[in-house]
Amino acid sequence: MNIRTETWAGHRIRFVWYDGEWWAVATDICKALGLTQVTRAVSTLPAKGVTISKTLTNGGVQEVNIINEQNIYRLIFKSRKPEAEQFQDWVYNMLKELRQATGLEGFQIFRMLDKEHQKEAMAKLKEGLRNPVRVDYIKANTIANKAVSNKFGFPKMVKKSDMTPDMLVARQCILEDTVELMTVKEKYNLDISVSDHIYSIHH
């Protein structure tokens, strides 16, 4: 069994070579992200990206949950820890190095995950608004795209299709915040500007 242990901010993160990819030990990822309810966090992930692996621990060989790259990022999106963004950068670079070390080509980690997240976000917006119309979906995505563009120093809005992997990572959280604020604004009839608030907290 091929296992690599890397360290981030004092946290030991174990990566296991499984099914042609590097998977991470779920407990290690959760500890680094400050997610205390590991079982609950893992239970919310798509099952196809979770499996059990026999891994050497201080107590000997034990079975642990390991998660694939997409699910690592899903856990990152759930964390509100200030260092989560730094951790996502570290994970991206670390997995890139591990892939290169095993002779694999890099790939766009969000080619499937981003489409899935987009659908989930729009479904939440549909549920949260009383009478959602097409302009609401356009507004949410436009605000998110503009906020990401501002965050990365672009004077004009960058289309999602033209964003780098790092920008797509940032967009996930920003889109969630935008959808949540839009639904809260309508629910409580708040006199606030969603765009101004999103731009102010994501800069």
N, C-alpha and C. Protein backbone atom coordinates (compact mmCIF):
# COMPACT_ATOMS: atom_id res chain seq x y z
N MET A 1 0.85 -1.20 0.00
CA MET A 1 0.00 0.00 0.00
C MET A 1 0.88 1.24 0.00
N ASN A 2 0.60 2.16 -0.90
CA ASN A 2 1.40 3.37 -1.03
C ASN A 2 0.77 4.49 -0.21
N ILE A 3 1.45 4.94 0.84
CA ILE A 3 0.93 5.98 1.72
C ILE A 3 1.95 7.10 1.84
N ARG A 4 1.47 8.33 1.75
CA ARG A 4 2.33 9.50 1.94
C ARG A 4 1.75 10.34 3.06
N THR A 5 2.58 10.79 3.97
CA THR A 5 2.14 11.67 5.05
C THR A 5 2.76 13.04 4.86
N GLU A 6 1.93 14.06 4.76
CA GLU A 6 2.38 15.43 4.60
C GLU A 6 1.90 16.24 5.79
N THR A 7 2.49 17.40 5.99
CA THR A 7 2.14 18.23 7.14
C THR A 7 1.71 19.62 6.70
N TRP A 8 0.59 20.07 7.25
CA TRP A 8 0.10 21.43 7.01
C TRP A 8 -0.26 22.06 8.34
N ALA A 9 0.38 23.18 8.67
CA ALA A 9 0.09 23.94 9.89
C ALA A 9 0.06 23.04 11.13
N GLY A 10 0.98 22.09 11.18
CA GLY A 10 1.06 21.20 12.33
C GLY A 10 0.15 19.99 12.26
N HIS A 11 -0.65 19.90 11.21
CA HIS A 11 -1.57 18.76 11.05
C HIS A 11 -0.96 17.73 10.10
N ARG A 12 -0.98 16.47 10.50
CA ARG A 12 -0.50 15.38 9.66
C ARG A 12 -1.64 14.93 8.76
N ILE A 13 -1.42 14.99 7.47
CA ILE A 13 -2.43 14.59 6.50
C ILE A 13 -1.90 13.37 5.74
N ARG A 14 -2.60 12.26 5.87
CA ARG A 14 -2.19 11.04 5.19
C ARG A 14 -2.91 10.91 3.85
N PHE A 15 -2.14 10.62 2.81
CA PHE A 15 -2.69 10.37 1.48
C PHE A 15 -2.43 8.92 1.10
N VAL A 16 -3.46 8.27 0.59
CA VAL A 16 -3.38 6.85 0.24
C VAL A 16 -3.59 6.69 -1.27
N TRP A 17 -2.71 5.92 -1.90
CA TRP A 17 -2.86 5.67 -3.33
C TRP A 17 -3.92 4.61 -3.52
N TYR A 18 -5.04 4.98 -4.14
CA TYR A 18 -6.17 4.07 -4.29
C TYR A 18 -6.84 4.28 -5.64
N ASP A 19 -7.04 3.20 -6.36
CA ASP A 19 -7.77 3.23 -7.63
C ASP A 19 -7.20 4.26 -8.60
N GLY A 20 -5.88 4.35 -8.63
CA GLY A 20 -5.21 5.24 -9.59
C GLY A 20 -5.18 6.69 -9.20
N GLU A 21 -5.55 7.03 -7.95
CA GLU A 21 -5.55 8.42 -7.49
C GLU A 21 -5.09 8.50 -6.05
N TRP A 22 -4.76 9.71 -5.61
CA TRP A 22 -4.41 9.93 -4.21
C TRP A 22 -5.66 10.33 -3.44
N TRP A 23 -6.00 9.53 -2.44
CA TRP A 23 -7.14 9.81 -1.56
C TRP A 23 -6.59 10.20 -0.20
N ALA A 24 -7.34 10.97 0.56
CA ALA A 24 -6.89 11.44 1.87
C ALA A 24 -7.69 10.76 2.99
N VAL A 25 -7.04 10.59 4.14
CA VAL A 25 -7.73 10.04 5.30
C VAL A 25 -8.70 11.12 5.81
N ALA A 26 -9.98 10.78 5.86
CA ALA A 26 -11.02 11.76 6.17
C ALA A 26 -10.81 12.41 7.54
N THR A 27 -10.42 11.64 8.52
CA THR A 27 -10.21 12.18 9.87
C THR A 27 -9.15 13.27 9.87
N ASP A 28 -8.08 13.07 9.11
CA ASP A 28 -7.01 14.06 9.05
C ASP A 28 -7.49 15.37 8.44
N ILE A 29 -8.29 15.26 7.37
CA ILE A 29 -8.81 16.45 6.72
C ILE A 29 -9.75 17.21 7.66
N CYS A 30 -10.62 16.48 8.34
CA CYS A 30 -11.57 17.12 9.26
C CYS A 30 -10.87 17.83 10.40
N LYS A 31 -9.84 17.21 10.96
CA LYS A 31 -9.10 17.85 12.06
C LYS A 31 -8.45 19.14 11.59
N ALA A 32 -7.87 19.13 10.40
CA ALA A 32 -7.21 20.32 9.87
C ALA A 32 -8.21 21.45 9.64
N LEU A 33 -9.46 21.09 9.33
CA LEU A 33 -10.49 22.08 9.03
C LEU A 33 -11.33 22.46 10.24
N GLY A 34 -11.06 21.82 11.38
CA GLY A 34 -11.83 22.15 12.58
C GLY A 34 -13.22 21.56 12.55
N LEU A 35 -13.42 20.50 11.77
CA LEU A 35 -14.71 19.82 11.71
C LEU A 35 -14.68 18.68 12.73
N THR A 36 -15.37 18.88 13.85
CA THR A 36 -15.28 17.93 14.96
C THR A 36 -16.14 16.69 14.78
N GLN A 37 -17.24 16.80 14.05
CA GLN A 37 -18.12 15.64 13.86
C GLN A 37 -17.75 14.94 12.55
N VAL A 38 -16.70 14.12 12.64
CA VAL A 38 -16.14 13.49 11.45
C VAL A 38 -17.16 12.57 10.76
N THR A 39 -17.80 11.71 11.54
CA THR A 39 -18.77 10.76 10.97
C THR A 39 -19.88 11.50 10.23
N ARG A 40 -20.38 12.57 10.84
CA ARG A 40 -21.45 13.34 10.22
C ARG A 40 -20.97 14.03 8.95
N ALA A 41 -19.76 14.58 9.01
CA ALA A 41 -19.20 15.28 7.84
C ALA A 41 -19.03 14.31 6.67
N VAL A 42 -18.51 13.13 6.95
CA VAL A 42 -18.28 12.14 5.89
C VAL A 42 -19.61 11.63 5.34
N SER A 43 -20.62 11.50 6.20
CA SER A 43 -21.92 10.97 5.77
C SER A 43 -22.62 11.88 4.76
N THR A 44 -22.23 13.15 4.70
CA THR A 44 -22.86 14.09 3.76
C THR A 44 -22.20 14.05 2.39
N LEU A 45 -21.10 13.30 2.26
CA LEU A 45 -20.36 13.25 1.00
C LEU A 45 -20.92 12.17 0.08
N PRO A 46 -20.80 12.36 -1.24
CA PRO A 46 -21.23 11.32 -2.18
C PRO A 46 -20.48 10.02 -1.89
N ALA A 47 -21.22 8.93 -1.80
CA ALA A 47 -20.64 7.64 -1.40
C ALA A 47 -19.57 7.15 -2.36
N LYS A 48 -19.68 7.51 -3.64
CA LYS A 48 -18.71 7.01 -4.61
C LYS A 48 -17.32 7.58 -4.39
N GLY A 49 -17.24 8.64 -3.57
CA GLY A 49 -15.93 9.24 -3.29
C GLY A 49 -15.44 8.93 -1.89
N VAL A 50 -16.05 7.92 -1.25
CA VAL A 50 -15.66 7.50 0.10
C VAL A 50 -15.47 6.00 0.12
N THR A 51 -14.38 5.54 0.71
CA THR A 51 -14.18 4.10 0.85
C THR A 51 -13.35 3.84 2.09
N ILE A 52 -13.16 2.58 2.41
CA ILE A 52 -12.40 2.19 3.59
C ILE A 52 -11.06 1.62 3.16
N SER A 53 -10.02 2.02 3.86
CA SER A 53 -8.68 1.53 3.55
C SER A 53 -8.00 1.07 4.83
N LYS A 54 -7.23 0.02 4.75
CA LYS A 54 -6.42 -0.43 5.88
C LYS A 54 -5.14 0.39 5.92
N THR A 55 -4.97 1.14 6.99
CA THR A 55 -3.86 2.08 7.10
C THR A 55 -3.12 1.87 8.42
N LEU A 56 -1.81 2.01 8.38
CA LEU A 56 -1.00 1.86 9.58
C LEU A 56 -1.17 3.07 10.48
N THR A 57 -1.58 2.84 11.73
CA THR A 57 -1.74 3.91 12.71
C THR A 57 -0.90 3.57 13.94
N ASN A 58 -0.93 4.45 14.96
CA ASN A 58 -0.19 4.19 16.19
C ASN A 58 -0.67 2.92 16.89
N GLY A 59 -1.91 2.58 16.64
CA GLY A 59 -2.47 1.38 17.25
C GLY A 59 -2.35 0.14 16.37
N GLY A 60 -1.56 0.25 15.30
CA GLY A 60 -1.40 -0.86 14.37
C GLY A 60 -2.19 -0.61 13.10
N VAL A 61 -2.41 -1.66 12.32
CA VAL A 61 -3.16 -1.52 11.07
C VAL A 61 -4.65 -1.44 11.39
N GLN A 62 -5.28 -0.36 10.96
CA GLN A 62 -6.71 -0.17 11.23
C GLN A 62 -7.41 0.26 9.94
N GLU A 63 -8.73 0.11 9.94
CA GLU A 63 -9.53 0.56 8.80
C GLU A 63 -9.95 2.01 9.01
N VAL A 64 -9.73 2.83 8.02
CA VAL A 64 -10.09 4.25 8.11
C VAL A 64 -10.83 4.66 6.84
N ASN A 65 -11.65 5.68 6.96
CA ASN A 65 -12.33 6.24 5.79
C ASN A 65 -11.35 7.10 5.00
N ILE A 66 -11.29 6.89 3.70
CA ILE A 66 -10.50 7.77 2.85
C ILE A 66 -11.44 8.39 1.82
N ILE A 67 -11.11 9.60 1.39
CA ILE A 67 -11.98 10.33 0.46
C ILE A 67 -11.17 10.80 -0.74
N ASN A 68 -11.85 10.87 -1.88
CA ASN A 68 -11.15 11.29 -3.09
C ASN A 68 -10.99 12.81 -3.16
N GLU A 69 -10.38 13.29 -4.21
CA GLU A 69 -10.04 14.71 -4.32
C GLU A 69 -11.28 15.60 -4.30
N GLN A 70 -12.32 15.20 -5.02
CA GLN A 70 -13.53 16.01 -5.04
C GLN A 70 -14.12 16.16 -3.65
N ASN A 71 -14.12 15.08 -2.88
CA ASN A 71 -14.70 15.13 -1.54
C ASN A 71 -13.82 15.89 -0.56
N ILE A 72 -12.53 15.92 -0.80
CA ILE A 72 -11.65 16.76 0.03
C ILE A 72 -12.11 18.21 -0.08
N TYR A 73 -12.37 18.65 -1.30
CA TYR A 73 -12.80 20.03 -1.51
C TYR A 73 -14.21 20.28 -0.98
N ARG A 74 -15.05 19.27 -1.03
CA ARG A 74 -16.39 19.44 -0.46
C ARG A 74 -16.30 19.71 1.04
N LEU A 75 -15.40 19.03 1.72
CA LEU A 75 -15.22 19.28 3.15
C LEU A 75 -14.65 20.66 3.40
N ILE A 76 -13.76 21.10 2.53
CA ILE A 76 -13.18 22.44 2.67
C ILE A 76 -14.28 23.49 2.57
N PHE A 77 -15.24 23.28 1.67
CA PHE A 77 -16.33 24.24 1.50
C PHE A 77 -17.21 24.31 2.75
N LYS A 78 -17.25 23.23 3.53
CA LYS A 78 -18.09 23.20 4.72
C LYS A 78 -17.45 23.93 5.90
N SER A 79 -16.14 24.12 5.84
CA SER A 79 -15.42 24.71 6.97
C SER A 79 -15.51 26.23 6.96
N ARG A 80 -15.72 26.79 8.14
CA ARG A 80 -15.73 28.24 8.28
C ARG A 80 -14.44 28.72 8.95
N LYS A 81 -13.48 27.83 9.07
CA LYS A 81 -12.20 28.16 9.68
C LYS A 81 -11.47 29.16 8.79
N PRO A 82 -10.91 30.23 9.37
CA PRO A 82 -10.23 31.25 8.57
C PRO A 82 -9.13 30.68 7.68
N GLU A 83 -8.49 29.60 8.14
CA GLU A 83 -7.38 29.02 7.39
C GLU A 83 -7.83 28.08 6.28
N ALA A 84 -9.14 27.92 6.10
CA ALA A 84 -9.64 26.96 5.11
C ALA A 84 -9.15 27.29 3.70
N GLU A 85 -9.11 28.59 3.37
CA GLU A 85 -8.66 28.98 2.04
C GLU A 85 -7.19 28.63 1.84
N GLN A 86 -6.37 28.83 2.90
CA GLN A 86 -4.97 28.45 2.81
C GLN A 86 -4.83 26.94 2.66
N PHE A 87 -5.69 26.22 3.36
CA PHE A 87 -5.64 24.76 3.30
C PHE A 87 -6.00 24.26 1.92
N GLN A 88 -7.01 24.87 1.28
CA GLN A 88 -7.40 24.44 -0.05
C GLN A 88 -6.25 24.64 -1.03
N ASP A 89 -5.50 25.75 -0.90
CA ASP A 89 -4.35 25.98 -1.76
C ASP A 89 -3.28 24.92 -1.54
N TRP A 90 -3.07 24.59 -0.26
CA TRP A 90 -2.07 23.59 0.07
C TRP A 90 -2.45 22.23 -0.50
N VAL A 91 -3.73 21.85 -0.35
CA VAL A 91 -4.21 20.56 -0.87
C VAL A 91 -4.04 20.51 -2.38
N TYR A 92 -4.42 21.57 -3.05
CA TYR A 92 -4.32 21.60 -4.51
C TYR A 92 -2.87 21.40 -4.95
N ASN A 93 -1.96 22.15 -4.33
CA ASN A 93 -0.55 22.05 -4.70
C ASN A 93 0.04 20.70 -4.31
N MET A 94 -0.36 20.19 -3.13
CA MET A 94 0.17 18.91 -2.67
C MET A 94 -0.26 17.78 -3.59
N LEU A 95 -1.54 17.75 -3.96
CA LEU A 95 -2.01 16.69 -4.84
C LEU A 95 -1.39 16.81 -6.22
N LYS A 96 -1.14 18.03 -6.64
CA LYS A 96 -0.48 18.23 -7.93
C LYS A 96 0.93 17.63 -7.88
N GLU A 97 1.64 17.88 -6.78
CA GLU A 97 2.98 17.33 -6.62
C GLU A 97 2.95 15.80 -6.54
N LEU A 98 1.97 15.26 -5.83
CA LEU A 98 1.86 13.81 -5.72
C LEU A 98 1.55 13.17 -7.07
N ARG A 99 0.70 13.83 -7.84
CA ARG A 99 0.39 13.30 -9.17
C ARG A 99 1.63 13.32 -10.06
N GLN A 100 2.37 14.40 -9.99
CA GLN A 100 3.57 14.52 -10.80
C GLN A 100 4.61 13.48 -10.38
N ALA A 101 4.66 13.22 -9.06
CA ALA A 101 5.63 12.25 -8.54
C ALA A 101 5.31 10.84 -9.02
N THR A 102 4.03 10.59 -9.31
CA THR A 102 3.63 9.26 -9.78
C THR A 102 3.51 9.23 -11.31
N GLY A 103 3.92 10.33 -11.95
CA GLY A 103 3.92 10.37 -13.40
C GLY A 103 2.58 10.67 -14.02
N LEU A 104 1.63 11.17 -13.24
CA LEU A 104 0.31 11.48 -13.78
C LEU A 104 0.22 12.93 -14.23
N GLU A 105 -0.58 13.16 -15.21
CA GLU A 105 -0.82 14.52 -15.68
C GLU A 105 -1.82 15.22 -14.77
N GLY A 106 -1.66 16.52 -14.59
CA GLY A 106 -2.64 17.27 -13.81
C GLY A 106 -3.96 17.35 -14.56
N PHE A 107 -5.03 17.65 -13.88
CA PHE A 107 -6.32 17.75 -14.54
C PHE A 107 -7.17 18.80 -13.82
N GLN A 108 -8.22 19.24 -14.47
CA GLN A 108 -9.11 20.24 -13.89
C GLN A 108 -9.99 19.57 -12.84
N ILE A 109 -9.70 19.80 -11.57
CA ILE A 109 -10.41 19.11 -10.50
C ILE A 109 -11.87 19.52 -10.40
N PHE A 110 -12.22 20.63 -11.03
CA PHE A 110 -13.59 21.11 -10.89
C PHE A 110 -14.44 20.87 -12.13
N ARG A 111 -13.97 20.10 -13.07
CA ARG A 111 -14.73 19.93 -14.30
C ARG A 111 -16.08 19.28 -14.05
N MET A 112 -16.16 18.37 -13.06
CA MET A 112 -17.44 17.77 -12.70
C MET A 112 -18.00 18.38 -11.42
N LEU A 113 -17.12 18.65 -10.45
CA LEU A 113 -17.56 19.17 -9.17
C LEU A 113 -18.23 20.53 -9.30
N ASP A 114 -17.69 21.41 -10.14
CA ASP A 114 -18.24 22.75 -10.27
C ASP A 114 -19.65 22.71 -10.85
N LYS A 115 -19.88 21.87 -11.83
CA LYS A 115 -21.22 21.75 -12.42
C LYS A 115 -22.21 21.25 -11.37
N GLU A 116 -21.76 20.30 -10.55
CA GLU A 116 -22.64 19.75 -9.52
C GLU A 116 -22.97 20.81 -8.47
N HIS A 117 -21.97 21.57 -8.06
CA HIS A 117 -22.18 22.60 -7.05
C HIS A 117 -23.11 23.69 -7.58
N GLN A 118 -22.95 24.04 -8.85
CA GLN A 118 -23.80 25.06 -9.47
C GLN A 118 -25.27 24.63 -9.41
N LYS A 119 -25.53 23.38 -9.72
CA LYS A 119 -26.91 22.87 -9.69
C LYS A 119 -27.47 22.92 -8.27
N GLU A 120 -26.63 22.54 -7.28
CA GLU A 120 -27.06 22.53 -5.88
C GLU A 120 -27.40 23.95 -5.41
N ALA A 121 -26.56 24.90 -5.79
CA ALA A 121 -26.77 26.28 -5.37
C ALA A 121 -28.06 26.85 -5.96
N MET A 122 -28.31 26.56 -7.24
CA MET A 122 -29.51 27.06 -7.88
C MET A 122 -30.77 26.39 -7.30
N ALA A 123 -30.62 25.13 -6.89
CA ALA A 123 -31.75 24.43 -6.27
C ALA A 123 -32.09 25.06 -4.92
N LYS A 124 -31.06 25.46 -4.16
CA LYS A 124 -31.28 26.12 -2.87
C LYS A 124 -31.96 27.47 -3.07
N LEU A 125 -31.56 28.17 -4.12
CA LEU A 125 -32.16 29.48 -4.41
C LEU A 125 -33.63 29.30 -4.77
N LYS A 126 -33.94 28.27 -5.55
CA LYS A 126 -35.32 28.00 -5.94
C LYS A 126 -36.18 27.70 -4.73
N GLU A 127 -35.62 26.95 -3.77
CA GLU A 127 -36.35 26.61 -2.56
C GLU A 127 -36.52 27.80 -1.64
N GLY A 128 -35.52 28.70 -1.64
CA GLY A 128 -35.53 29.82 -0.70
C GLY A 128 -36.37 31.01 -1.11
N LEU A 129 -36.62 31.17 -2.41
CA LEU A 129 -37.42 32.30 -2.88
C LEU A 129 -38.86 31.88 -3.13
N ARG A 130 -39.79 32.79 -2.86
CA ARG A 130 -41.21 32.46 -3.01
C ARG A 130 -41.58 32.23 -4.48
N ASN A 131 -41.18 33.15 -5.33
CA ASN A 131 -41.49 33.03 -6.76
C ASN A 131 -40.24 33.33 -7.58
N PRO A 132 -39.28 32.41 -7.58
CA PRO A 132 -38.03 32.65 -8.31
C PRO A 132 -38.26 32.73 -9.82
N VAL A 133 -37.57 33.66 -10.44
CA VAL A 133 -37.63 33.80 -11.89
C VAL A 133 -36.19 33.74 -12.43
N ARG A 134 -36.09 33.67 -13.73
CA ARG A 134 -34.78 33.48 -14.36
C ARG A 134 -33.78 34.57 -13.97
N VAL A 135 -34.28 35.80 -13.79
CA VAL A 135 -33.38 36.90 -13.46
C VAL A 135 -32.73 36.69 -12.08
N ASP A 136 -33.40 35.99 -11.19
CA ASP A 136 -32.82 35.71 -9.87
C ASP A 136 -31.58 34.83 -9.99
N TYR A 137 -31.65 33.81 -10.84
CA TYR A 137 -30.51 32.93 -11.04
C TYR A 137 -29.35 33.68 -11.71
N ILE A 138 -29.70 34.52 -12.68
CA ILE A 138 -28.68 35.31 -13.37
C ILE A 138 -28.01 36.26 -12.38
N LYS A 139 -28.83 36.88 -11.52
CA LYS A 139 -28.31 37.83 -10.53
C LYS A 139 -27.35 37.15 -9.57
N ALA A 140 -27.70 35.98 -9.07
CA ALA A 140 -26.84 35.27 -8.12
C ALA A 140 -25.49 34.93 -8.74
N ASN A 141 -25.51 34.44 -9.97
CA ASN A 141 -24.27 34.07 -10.64
C ASN A 141 -23.44 35.29 -11.02
N THR A 142 -24.11 36.36 -11.43
CA THR A 142 -23.39 37.59 -11.79
C THR A 142 -22.68 38.18 -10.58
N ILE A 143 -23.38 38.22 -9.44
CA ILE A 143 -22.78 38.74 -8.21
C ILE A 143 -21.57 37.90 -7.82
N ALA A 144 -21.72 36.57 -7.89
CA ALA A 144 -20.62 35.67 -7.54
C ALA A 144 -19.43 35.87 -8.47
N ASN A 145 -19.69 35.96 -9.78
CA ASN A 145 -18.61 36.14 -10.74
C ASN A 145 -17.88 37.47 -10.53
N LYS A 146 -18.66 38.51 -10.27
CA LYS A 146 -18.07 39.83 -10.07
C LYS A 146 -17.24 39.85 -8.78
N ALA A 147 -17.75 39.21 -7.72
CA ALA A 147 -17.03 39.17 -6.45
C ALA A 147 -15.71 38.43 -6.60
N VAL A 148 -15.73 37.32 -7.33
CA VAL A 148 -14.50 36.56 -7.56
C VAL A 148 -13.50 37.39 -8.36
N SER A 149 -14.01 38.07 -9.39
CA SER A 149 -13.15 38.91 -10.22
C SER A 149 -12.50 40.01 -9.39
N ASN A 150 -13.30 40.64 -8.51
CA ASN A 150 -12.76 41.68 -7.63
C ASN A 150 -11.68 41.11 -6.71
N LYS A 151 -11.97 39.94 -6.16
CA LYS A 151 -11.07 39.29 -5.20
C LYS A 151 -9.71 39.01 -5.82
N PHE A 152 -9.72 38.67 -7.12
CA PHE A 152 -8.47 38.32 -7.79
C PHE A 152 -7.88 39.49 -8.59
N GLY A 153 -8.44 40.69 -8.37
CA GLY A 153 -7.84 41.89 -8.94
C GLY A 153 -8.18 42.19 -10.38
N PHE A 154 -9.27 41.63 -10.89
CA PHE A 154 -9.66 41.91 -12.27
C PHE A 154 -10.63 43.10 -12.29
N PRO A 155 -10.36 44.13 -13.10
CA PRO A 155 -11.23 45.31 -13.14
C PRO A 155 -12.59 45.02 -13.76
N LYS A 156 -12.66 44.01 -14.62
CA LYS A 156 -13.94 43.64 -15.24
C LYS A 156 -14.30 42.21 -14.83
N MET A 157 -15.58 41.91 -14.91
CA MET A 157 -16.05 40.58 -14.51
C MET A 157 -15.52 39.50 -15.43
N VAL A 158 -15.00 38.44 -14.84
CA VAL A 158 -14.51 37.28 -15.58
C VAL A 158 -15.60 36.22 -15.62
N LYS A 159 -15.88 35.68 -16.78
CA LYS A 159 -16.89 34.64 -16.90
C LYS A 159 -16.41 33.37 -16.20
N LYS A 160 -17.35 32.59 -15.70
CA LYS A 160 -17.00 31.36 -14.99
C LYS A 160 -16.18 30.43 -15.87
N SER A 161 -16.51 30.37 -17.14
CA SER A 161 -15.80 29.48 -18.06
C SER A 161 -14.35 29.88 -18.26
N ASP A 162 -14.02 31.15 -17.94
CA ASP A 162 -12.66 31.65 -18.12
C ASP A 162 -11.87 31.69 -16.81
N MET A 163 -12.47 31.25 -15.71
CA MET A 163 -11.81 31.32 -14.41
C MET A 163 -10.77 30.21 -14.24
N THR A 164 -9.74 30.52 -13.46
CA THR A 164 -8.71 29.54 -13.14
C THR A 164 -9.24 28.61 -12.04
N PRO A 165 -8.59 27.46 -11.80
CA PRO A 165 -9.02 26.58 -10.71
C PRO A 165 -9.11 27.29 -9.37
N ASP A 166 -8.15 28.17 -9.06
CA ASP A 166 -8.17 28.90 -7.79
C ASP A 166 -9.40 29.80 -7.70
N MET A 167 -9.77 30.43 -8.81
CA MET A 167 -10.93 31.30 -8.83
C MET A 167 -12.21 30.47 -8.65
N LEU A 168 -12.25 29.28 -9.24
CA LEU A 168 -13.42 28.42 -9.10
C LEU A 168 -13.59 27.95 -7.66
N VAL A 169 -12.47 27.70 -6.99
CA VAL A 169 -12.51 27.32 -5.59
C VAL A 169 -13.18 28.43 -4.78
N ALA A 170 -12.70 29.66 -4.98
CA ALA A 170 -13.24 30.81 -4.25
C ALA A 170 -14.72 31.03 -4.60
N ARG A 171 -15.09 30.76 -5.83
CA ARG A 171 -16.46 31.01 -6.29
C ARG A 171 -17.47 30.13 -5.57
N GLN A 172 -17.07 28.93 -5.20
CA GLN A 172 -17.99 28.02 -4.54
C GLN A 172 -18.59 28.66 -3.28
N CYS A 173 -17.71 29.13 -2.41
CA CYS A 173 -18.16 29.73 -1.15
C CYS A 173 -18.93 31.02 -1.39
N ILE A 174 -18.45 31.83 -2.32
CA ILE A 174 -19.09 33.11 -2.60
C ILE A 174 -20.51 32.91 -3.15
N LEU A 175 -20.69 31.93 -4.03
CA LEU A 175 -22.02 31.67 -4.58
C LEU A 175 -22.96 31.20 -3.48
N GLU A 176 -22.46 30.36 -2.57
CA GLU A 176 -23.29 29.90 -1.45
C GLU A 176 -23.73 31.08 -0.58
N ASP A 177 -22.78 31.98 -0.28
CA ASP A 177 -23.11 33.15 0.54
C ASP A 177 -24.13 34.04 -0.17
N THR A 178 -23.99 34.17 -1.48
CA THR A 178 -24.91 35.01 -2.26
C THR A 178 -26.33 34.44 -2.22
N VAL A 179 -26.44 33.15 -2.46
CA VAL A 179 -27.75 32.49 -2.44
C VAL A 179 -28.39 32.61 -1.06
N GLU A 180 -27.60 32.38 -0.02
CA GLU A 180 -28.11 32.46 1.34
C GLU A 180 -28.61 33.87 1.66
N LEU A 181 -27.84 34.89 1.27
CA LEU A 181 -28.23 36.26 1.56
C LEU A 181 -29.47 36.67 0.78
N MET A 182 -29.58 36.22 -0.46
CA MET A 182 -30.76 36.54 -1.27
C MET A 182 -32.02 35.95 -0.64
N THR A 183 -31.93 34.73 -0.14
CA THR A 183 -33.10 34.10 0.47
C THR A 183 -33.46 34.74 1.81
N VAL A 184 -32.43 35.10 2.59
CA VAL A 184 -32.68 35.76 3.87
C VAL A 184 -33.28 37.14 3.66
N LYS A 185 -32.79 37.86 2.66
CA LYS A 185 -33.31 39.20 2.35
C LYS A 185 -34.80 39.15 2.05
N GLU A 186 -35.21 38.17 1.24
CA GLU A 186 -36.63 38.06 0.89
C GLU A 186 -37.46 37.59 2.08
N LYS A 187 -36.93 36.63 2.82
CA LYS A 187 -37.67 36.06 3.94
C LYS A 187 -38.00 37.10 5.00
N TYR A 188 -37.04 37.98 5.29
CA TYR A 188 -37.24 38.98 6.35
C TYR A 188 -37.46 40.39 5.79
N ASN A 189 -37.61 40.47 4.45
CA ASN A 189 -37.87 41.75 3.81
C ASN A 189 -36.83 42.80 4.21
N LEU A 190 -35.56 42.43 4.11
CA LEU A 190 -34.47 43.31 4.53
C LEU A 190 -34.16 44.35 3.46
N ASP A 191 -33.88 45.55 3.89
CA ASP A 191 -33.52 46.64 2.98
C ASP A 191 -32.00 46.70 2.84
N ILE A 192 -31.44 45.72 2.14
CA ILE A 192 -29.98 45.65 1.96
C ILE A 192 -29.65 45.36 0.50
N SER A 193 -28.44 45.70 0.13
CA SER A 193 -27.95 45.38 -1.21
C SER A 193 -27.13 44.11 -1.12
N VAL A 194 -27.62 43.04 -1.75
CA VAL A 194 -26.90 41.76 -1.70
C VAL A 194 -25.52 41.89 -2.32
N SER A 195 -25.45 42.53 -3.46
CA SER A 195 -24.16 42.67 -4.16
C SER A 195 -23.15 43.45 -3.33
N ASP A 196 -23.58 44.59 -2.76
CA ASP A 196 -22.65 45.40 -1.96
C ASP A 196 -22.13 44.62 -0.76
N HIS A 197 -23.01 43.85 -0.13
CA HIS A 197 -22.61 43.11 1.06
C HIS A 197 -21.62 41.99 0.66
N ILE A 198 -21.91 41.28 -0.42
CA ILE A 198 -21.03 40.20 -0.86
C ILE A 198 -19.67 40.75 -1.27
N TYR A 199 -19.67 41.88 -1.99
CA TYR A 199 -18.40 42.46 -2.41
C TYR A 199 -17.57 42.91 -1.20
N SER A 200 -18.24 43.35 -0.15
CA SER A 200 -17.52 43.86 1.02
C SER A 200 -16.89 42.76 1.84
N ILE A 201 -17.52 41.57 1.89
CA ILE A 201 -16.97 40.49 2.72
C ILE A 201 -16.03 39.58 1.92
N HIS A 202 -16.10 39.65 0.61
CA HIS A 202 -15.19 38.82 -0.22
C HIS A 202 -14.35 39.77 -1.07
N HIS A 203 -13.27 40.21 -0.51
CA HIS A 203 -12.40 41.12 -1.26
C HIS A 203 -10.94 40.77 -1.06
